[in-house]
Every structure is written in structure tokens, then in C-alpha cells.
Amino acid sequence: MDVAPDLVVGYAPGYRASWQTAVGAGSICVIEDNVESWRGDHIFDPPLVPGVFFTNHLVTVAHTHVADIAPTVLQALSVPPPLETEGQPLLA
């Protein structure tokens, strides 16, 4: 966890990380054709998985929204959000 990214933005439609990446491994190829269908993973095909929020902190909001991500990131960086920021921080 000490070398995990703080934020993963995602990929262009039709692209994703490799199957090996899903299990913490690497691939010899930088780019390769996907000859299998996407199924049951969250590496993700955006139309199938519009958003997944992973955290090891307590989430204090019952109903979350994508607009909550920016204030959450700003809170984690101890930066006050601008007044016009939509959403609310998700973490305790």
C-alpha cells in the first residue's frame, strides 16, 4: 500500500490494464490485443463499471456521487475546496 497510487483516472474507451496487472503482476508487452471478454473485474470498461471508490478510510457519507471525489481529494491534501465546489468530502 505504501507505493499504491492515490488516484487512478482510468483509460480511453476500449482500453484497460492487462489481466496480469489485475493480480499484481506485469506483462512483457506494453500494448497487446485483448482476446478475452471483460468479465467480473474492475480494471474496467467504463460503460460497464462507471465508478468504483476504494479506500481504507471510514466513509461518512451514505449516498456518494462522482462530485464528491474532488472535495475528498482536496480534504486529503489539506486544501480547502473553493466555494463553488460541488459535492462533499467522503472521509472522516
N, C-alpha and C. Protein backbone atom coordinates (compact mmCIF):
# COMPACT_ATOMS: atom_id res chain seq x y z
N MET A 1 0.81 -1.20 0.00
CA MET A 1 0.00 0.00 0.00
C MET A 1 0.86 1.26 0.00
N ASP A 2 2.08 1.19 0.50
CA ASP A 2 2.90 2.40 0.56
C ASP A 2 3.35 2.88 -0.81
N VAL A 3 3.19 2.08 -1.85
CA VAL A 3 3.55 2.51 -3.20
C VAL A 3 2.34 2.53 -4.13
N ALA A 4 1.14 2.33 -3.60
CA ALA A 4 -0.07 2.36 -4.43
C ALA A 4 -0.40 3.79 -4.82
N PRO A 5 -1.03 3.99 -5.97
CA PRO A 5 -1.39 5.34 -6.38
C PRO A 5 -2.50 5.91 -5.51
N ASP A 6 -2.53 7.23 -5.38
CA ASP A 6 -3.59 7.89 -4.62
C ASP A 6 -4.86 8.03 -5.45
N LEU A 7 -4.70 8.13 -6.76
CA LEU A 7 -5.84 8.34 -7.64
C LEU A 7 -5.55 7.68 -8.98
N VAL A 8 -6.48 6.89 -9.48
CA VAL A 8 -6.37 6.30 -10.80
C VAL A 8 -7.49 6.88 -11.63
N VAL A 9 -7.15 7.55 -12.71
CA VAL A 9 -8.16 8.25 -13.50
C VAL A 9 -8.90 7.32 -14.45
N GLY A 10 -8.23 6.41 -15.09
CA GLY A 10 -8.91 5.48 -15.98
C GLY A 10 -8.28 5.46 -17.35
N TYR A 11 -8.95 4.84 -18.29
CA TYR A 11 -8.42 4.62 -19.62
C TYR A 11 -9.40 5.10 -20.67
N ALA A 12 -8.92 5.29 -21.88
CA ALA A 12 -9.79 5.64 -23.00
C ALA A 12 -10.72 4.46 -23.30
N PRO A 13 -11.89 4.74 -23.87
CA PRO A 13 -12.80 3.64 -24.20
C PRO A 13 -12.10 2.56 -25.03
N GLY A 14 -12.32 1.32 -24.65
CA GLY A 14 -11.71 0.20 -25.35
C GLY A 14 -10.35 -0.21 -24.83
N TYR A 15 -9.81 0.50 -23.85
CA TYR A 15 -8.51 0.18 -23.28
C TYR A 15 -8.64 -0.12 -21.79
N ARG A 16 -7.70 -0.84 -21.26
CA ARG A 16 -7.68 -1.16 -19.84
C ARG A 16 -6.30 -1.69 -19.48
N ALA A 17 -6.06 -1.92 -18.22
CA ALA A 17 -4.82 -2.54 -17.79
C ALA A 17 -4.87 -4.03 -18.14
N SER A 18 -3.73 -4.67 -18.14
CA SER A 18 -3.66 -6.08 -18.54
C SER A 18 -4.27 -6.99 -17.48
N TRP A 19 -4.55 -8.23 -17.89
CA TRP A 19 -5.04 -9.23 -16.95
C TRP A 19 -3.99 -9.47 -15.87
N GLN A 20 -2.71 -9.42 -16.25
CA GLN A 20 -1.64 -9.63 -15.28
C GLN A 20 -1.63 -8.52 -14.23
N THR A 21 -1.93 -7.29 -14.64
CA THR A 21 -1.96 -6.16 -13.72
C THR A 21 -3.03 -6.37 -12.64
N ALA A 22 -4.12 -7.01 -13.00
CA ALA A 22 -5.22 -7.24 -12.05
C ALA A 22 -4.79 -8.08 -10.87
N VAL A 23 -3.77 -8.90 -11.06
CA VAL A 23 -3.31 -9.76 -9.97
C VAL A 23 -1.94 -9.34 -9.45
N GLY A 24 -1.53 -8.11 -9.78
CA GLY A 24 -0.30 -7.57 -9.25
C GLY A 24 0.95 -7.96 -10.00
N ALA A 25 0.80 -8.51 -11.18
CA ALA A 25 1.96 -8.91 -11.99
C ALA A 25 2.15 -7.92 -13.13
N GLY A 26 3.05 -8.21 -14.01
CA GLY A 26 3.30 -7.37 -15.16
C GLY A 26 3.28 -8.17 -16.43
N SER A 27 3.27 -7.48 -17.54
CA SER A 27 3.27 -8.13 -18.85
C SER A 27 4.53 -7.74 -19.59
N ILE A 28 5.02 -8.62 -20.44
CA ILE A 28 6.19 -8.30 -21.26
C ILE A 28 5.83 -7.21 -22.27
N CYS A 29 4.62 -7.27 -22.81
CA CYS A 29 4.17 -6.30 -23.81
C CYS A 29 3.64 -5.04 -23.14
N VAL A 30 3.93 -3.89 -23.74
CA VAL A 30 3.36 -2.64 -23.24
C VAL A 30 1.92 -2.52 -23.70
N ILE A 31 1.66 -2.84 -24.96
CA ILE A 31 0.31 -2.83 -25.51
C ILE A 31 0.09 -4.16 -26.21
N GLU A 32 -1.05 -4.79 -25.93
CA GLU A 32 -1.36 -6.06 -26.58
C GLU A 32 -2.86 -6.15 -26.80
N ASP A 33 -3.26 -6.95 -27.79
CA ASP A 33 -4.68 -7.15 -28.06
C ASP A 33 -5.33 -7.91 -26.92
N ASN A 34 -6.55 -7.54 -26.61
CA ASN A 34 -7.34 -8.28 -25.62
C ASN A 34 -8.16 -9.30 -26.39
N VAL A 35 -7.85 -10.55 -26.22
CA VAL A 35 -8.56 -11.61 -26.94
C VAL A 35 -9.63 -12.26 -26.07
N GLU A 36 -9.80 -11.77 -24.84
CA GLU A 36 -10.82 -12.28 -23.94
C GLU A 36 -11.84 -11.18 -23.66
N SER A 37 -13.05 -11.57 -23.26
CA SER A 37 -14.06 -10.57 -22.92
C SER A 37 -13.83 -10.07 -21.50
N TRP A 38 -14.23 -8.82 -21.25
CA TRP A 38 -14.16 -8.30 -19.90
C TRP A 38 -15.26 -8.97 -19.09
N ARG A 39 -14.90 -9.49 -17.94
CA ARG A 39 -15.91 -10.14 -17.11
C ARG A 39 -15.45 -10.13 -15.65
N GLY A 40 -16.29 -9.61 -14.80
CA GLY A 40 -16.07 -9.71 -13.38
C GLY A 40 -14.86 -8.99 -12.82
N ASP A 41 -14.30 -8.05 -13.55
CA ASP A 41 -13.18 -7.31 -12.98
C ASP A 41 -13.51 -5.82 -12.98
N HIS A 42 -12.67 -5.09 -12.31
CA HIS A 42 -12.90 -3.65 -12.21
C HIS A 42 -11.70 -2.89 -12.73
N ILE A 43 -11.02 -3.44 -13.73
CA ILE A 43 -9.87 -2.75 -14.32
C ILE A 43 -10.36 -1.80 -15.37
N PHE A 44 -11.14 -1.69 -16.06
CA PHE A 44 -12.52 -1.52 -16.29
C PHE A 44 -12.87 -1.07 -17.69
N ASP A 45 -14.04 -1.41 -18.06
CA ASP A 45 -14.66 -0.92 -19.28
C ASP A 45 -15.69 0.10 -18.78
N PRO A 46 -15.42 1.41 -18.93
CA PRO A 46 -16.26 2.43 -18.30
C PRO A 46 -17.77 2.28 -18.47
N PRO A 47 -18.29 1.89 -19.64
CA PRO A 47 -19.75 1.73 -19.71
C PRO A 47 -20.28 0.63 -18.79
N LEU A 48 -19.44 -0.35 -18.48
CA LEU A 48 -19.88 -1.44 -17.62
C LEU A 48 -19.66 -1.15 -16.14
N VAL A 49 -18.63 -0.38 -15.82
CA VAL A 49 -18.29 -0.05 -14.44
C VAL A 49 -18.07 1.46 -14.38
N PRO A 50 -19.14 2.24 -14.20
CA PRO A 50 -19.00 3.69 -14.26
C PRO A 50 -18.17 4.29 -13.13
N GLY A 51 -18.00 3.61 -12.04
CA GLY A 51 -17.17 4.14 -10.97
C GLY A 51 -17.03 3.18 -9.81
N VAL A 52 -15.83 3.11 -9.28
CA VAL A 52 -15.55 2.29 -8.10
C VAL A 52 -14.67 3.13 -7.19
N PHE A 53 -15.04 3.26 -5.94
CA PHE A 53 -14.28 4.07 -4.99
C PHE A 53 -13.71 3.14 -3.93
N PHE A 54 -12.38 2.99 -3.92
CA PHE A 54 -11.71 2.16 -2.94
C PHE A 54 -11.01 3.04 -1.91
N THR A 55 -11.16 2.73 -0.65
CA THR A 55 -10.47 3.49 0.40
C THR A 55 -10.29 2.60 1.62
N ASN A 56 -9.25 2.91 2.38
CA ASN A 56 -9.07 2.22 3.65
C ASN A 56 -9.41 3.17 4.80
N HIS A 57 -10.12 4.26 4.50
CA HIS A 57 -10.59 5.22 5.50
C HIS A 57 -12.10 5.09 5.65
N LEU A 58 -12.62 5.49 6.79
CA LEU A 58 -14.05 5.45 7.03
C LEU A 58 -14.76 6.46 6.13
N VAL A 59 -15.76 6.00 5.36
CA VAL A 59 -16.58 6.88 4.54
C VAL A 59 -17.76 7.32 5.38
N THR A 60 -17.98 8.64 5.46
CA THR A 60 -19.01 9.18 6.35
C THR A 60 -20.28 9.63 5.62
N VAL A 61 -20.34 9.43 4.32
CA VAL A 61 -21.50 9.85 3.51
C VAL A 61 -22.24 8.61 3.06
N ALA A 62 -23.55 8.58 3.28
CA ALA A 62 -24.34 7.39 2.93
C ALA A 62 -24.52 7.24 1.43
N HIS A 63 -24.79 8.31 0.72
CA HIS A 63 -25.03 8.26 -0.72
C HIS A 63 -23.98 9.11 -1.40
N THR A 64 -23.08 8.45 -2.11
CA THR A 64 -21.97 9.15 -2.73
C THR A 64 -22.27 9.49 -4.19
N HIS A 65 -21.50 10.44 -4.72
CA HIS A 65 -21.66 10.90 -6.10
C HIS A 65 -20.28 11.24 -6.62
N VAL A 66 -20.11 11.18 -7.92
CA VAL A 66 -18.82 11.49 -8.53
C VAL A 66 -18.35 12.90 -8.14
N ALA A 67 -19.28 13.81 -7.88
CA ALA A 67 -18.91 15.18 -7.47
C ALA A 67 -18.23 15.20 -6.11
N ASP A 68 -18.33 14.12 -5.34
CA ASP A 68 -17.69 14.06 -4.03
C ASP A 68 -16.19 13.77 -4.12
N ILE A 69 -15.70 13.32 -5.26
CA ILE A 69 -14.29 12.94 -5.38
C ILE A 69 -13.37 14.16 -5.23
N ALA A 70 -13.65 15.25 -5.93
CA ALA A 70 -12.78 16.43 -5.84
C ALA A 70 -12.66 16.96 -4.41
N PRO A 71 -13.77 17.19 -3.69
CA PRO A 71 -13.60 17.66 -2.31
C PRO A 71 -12.90 16.63 -1.40
N THR A 72 -13.06 15.35 -1.70
CA THR A 72 -12.38 14.32 -0.92
C THR A 72 -10.87 14.38 -1.13
N VAL A 73 -10.45 14.53 -2.39
CA VAL A 73 -9.02 14.64 -2.69
C VAL A 73 -8.45 15.91 -2.07
N LEU A 74 -9.17 17.02 -2.18
CA LEU A 74 -8.70 18.27 -1.57
C LEU A 74 -8.58 18.12 -0.06
N GLN A 75 -9.56 17.47 0.57
CA GLN A 75 -9.51 17.25 2.02
C GLN A 75 -8.27 16.42 2.39
N ALA A 76 -7.99 15.38 1.62
CA ALA A 76 -6.83 14.53 1.89
C ALA A 76 -5.53 15.30 1.77
N LEU A 77 -5.51 16.33 0.92
CA LEU A 77 -4.32 17.16 0.73
C LEU A 77 -4.32 18.38 1.65
N SER A 78 -5.31 18.47 2.54
CA SER A 78 -5.47 19.61 3.47
C SER A 78 -5.61 20.93 2.72
N VAL A 79 -6.33 20.89 1.60
CA VAL A 79 -6.59 22.09 0.81
C VAL A 79 -8.08 22.40 0.91
N PRO A 80 -8.44 23.61 1.35
CA PRO A 80 -9.86 23.93 1.42
C PRO A 80 -10.47 24.01 0.02
N PRO A 81 -11.64 23.42 -0.19
CA PRO A 81 -12.25 23.47 -1.51
C PRO A 81 -12.77 24.86 -1.83
N PRO A 82 -12.74 25.27 -3.11
CA PRO A 82 -13.34 26.55 -3.49
C PRO A 82 -14.83 26.55 -3.14
N LEU A 83 -15.39 27.72 -2.92
CA LEU A 83 -16.80 27.83 -2.53
C LEU A 83 -17.74 27.19 -3.55
N GLU A 84 -17.38 27.26 -4.84
CA GLU A 84 -18.26 26.72 -5.88
C GLU A 84 -18.13 25.21 -6.07
N THR A 85 -17.31 24.55 -5.27
CA THR A 85 -17.13 23.11 -5.40
C THR A 85 -18.41 22.37 -5.08
N GLU A 86 -18.78 21.48 -5.99
CA GLU A 86 -19.95 20.63 -5.74
C GLU A 86 -19.48 19.40 -4.95
N GLY A 87 -20.40 18.73 -4.31
CA GLY A 87 -20.08 17.51 -3.57
C GLY A 87 -19.59 17.80 -2.18
N GLN A 88 -19.29 16.72 -1.47
CA GLN A 88 -18.82 16.83 -0.09
C GLN A 88 -17.73 15.81 0.15
N PRO A 89 -16.80 16.09 1.06
CA PRO A 89 -15.76 15.11 1.36
C PRO A 89 -16.38 13.82 1.89
N LEU A 90 -15.82 12.69 1.49
CA LEU A 90 -16.39 11.39 1.86
C LEU A 90 -15.77 10.79 3.11
N LEU A 91 -14.60 11.30 3.53
CA LEU A 91 -13.86 10.63 4.59
C LEU A 91 -14.00 11.33 5.93
N ALA A 92 -13.90 10.52 7.00
CA ALA A 92 -13.99 11.07 8.36
C ALA A 92 -12.76 11.89 8.66
